[in-house]
Amino acid sequence: MRTTLDIDDDVLFAAKEIAKRQGKSIGKALSELARQALSRQAETPSRNGILLFPCQAEAGVVTLELVNQLRDEVL
């Protein structure tokens, strides 16, 4: 489908570079980038309106005490 969009110069430059690297048209590259961004947005889970970020199973719990300890070590 053809349409006209106003795209910021830096975004257009990046899209051209990606398209060139992948041997695709700019339209195809932009469509794929938009599709990726939209699917990531849909996959981001939330609870009570707060975004949840994935972590590894072996990751520990971050407690207030741990945060304070790490802060004190840095300062």
Protein backbone atom coordinates (compact mmCIF):
# COMPACT_ATOMS: atom_id res chain seq x y z
CA MET A 1 0.00 0.00 0.00
CA ARG A 2 1.32 3.43 -0.87
CA THR A 3 1.05 6.32 1.54
CA THR A 4 2.87 9.53 2.41
CA LEU A 5 4.54 9.95 5.81
CA ASP A 6 6.62 12.68 7.41
CA ILE A 7 9.68 10.91 8.83
CA ASP A 8 12.40 12.61 10.87
CA ASP A 9 15.73 12.89 9.06
CA ASP A 10 17.60 10.68 11.54
CA VAL A 11 14.98 7.93 11.25
CA LEU A 12 15.06 8.05 7.46
CA PHE A 13 18.86 7.92 7.46
CA ALA A 14 18.84 4.88 9.77
CA ALA A 15 16.16 3.17 7.69
CA LYS A 16 18.16 3.74 4.51
CA GLU A 17 21.26 2.26 6.14
CA ILE A 18 19.34 -0.80 7.36
CA ALA A 19 17.69 -1.28 3.97
CA LYS A 20 21.04 -1.02 2.21
CA ARG A 21 22.68 -3.49 4.59
CA GLN A 22 19.83 -5.99 4.20
CA GLY A 23 19.41 -5.48 0.45
CA LYS A 24 15.79 -4.36 0.82
CA SER A 25 13.75 -1.35 -0.14
CA ILE A 26 13.32 1.41 2.44
CA GLY A 27 9.59 0.70 2.56
CA LYS A 28 10.19 -2.99 3.28
CA ALA A 29 12.78 -2.18 5.95
CA LEU A 30 10.48 0.35 7.65
CA SER A 31 7.56 -2.08 7.55
CA GLU A 32 9.64 -4.79 9.23
CA LEU A 33 10.96 -2.37 11.86
CA ALA A 34 7.44 -1.13 12.63
CA ARG A 35 6.15 -4.71 12.82
CA GLN A 36 8.93 -5.66 15.26
CA ALA A 37 8.24 -2.64 17.46
CA LEU A 38 4.50 -3.31 17.48
CA SER A 39 4.93 -6.98 18.37
CA ARG A 40 7.36 -6.13 21.20
CA GLN A 41 4.90 -3.60 22.53
CA ALA A 42 2.15 -6.22 22.56
CA GLU A 43 4.44 -8.74 24.30
CA THR A 44 5.38 -6.43 27.19
CA PRO A 45 3.49 -7.76 30.19
CA SER A 46 2.13 -5.47 32.86
CA ARG A 47 0.50 -5.84 36.24
CA ASN A 48 -1.69 -3.13 37.73
CA GLY A 49 -0.54 -0.76 34.99
CA ILE A 50 3.18 -1.26 35.72
CA LEU A 51 5.40 -2.78 33.02
CA LEU A 52 7.10 -6.02 34.00
CA PHE A 53 10.55 -6.79 32.67
CA PRO A 54 11.79 -10.33 32.09
CA CYS A 55 14.52 -11.74 34.30
CA GLN A 56 16.41 -14.99 34.41
CA ALA A 57 15.20 -17.76 36.71
CA GLU A 58 18.42 -17.67 38.75
CA ALA A 59 18.14 -13.92 39.37
CA GLY A 60 17.77 -13.03 43.03
CA VAL A 61 15.20 -10.83 44.68
CA VAL A 62 16.12 -7.15 44.88
CA THR A 63 15.25 -5.98 48.36
CA LEU A 64 15.46 -2.51 49.86
CA GLU A 65 18.36 -3.73 51.98
CA LEU A 66 20.28 -4.84 48.87
CA VAL A 67 19.64 -1.50 47.17
CA ASN A 68 20.87 0.37 50.26
CA GLN A 69 23.96 -1.86 50.52
CA LEU A 70 24.89 -1.30 46.87
CA ARG A 71 24.29 2.44 47.20
CA ASP A 72 26.55 2.60 50.27
CA GLU A 73 29.31 0.70 48.43
CA VAL A 74 29.27 3.20 45.58
CA LEU A 75 29.27 6.26 47.81
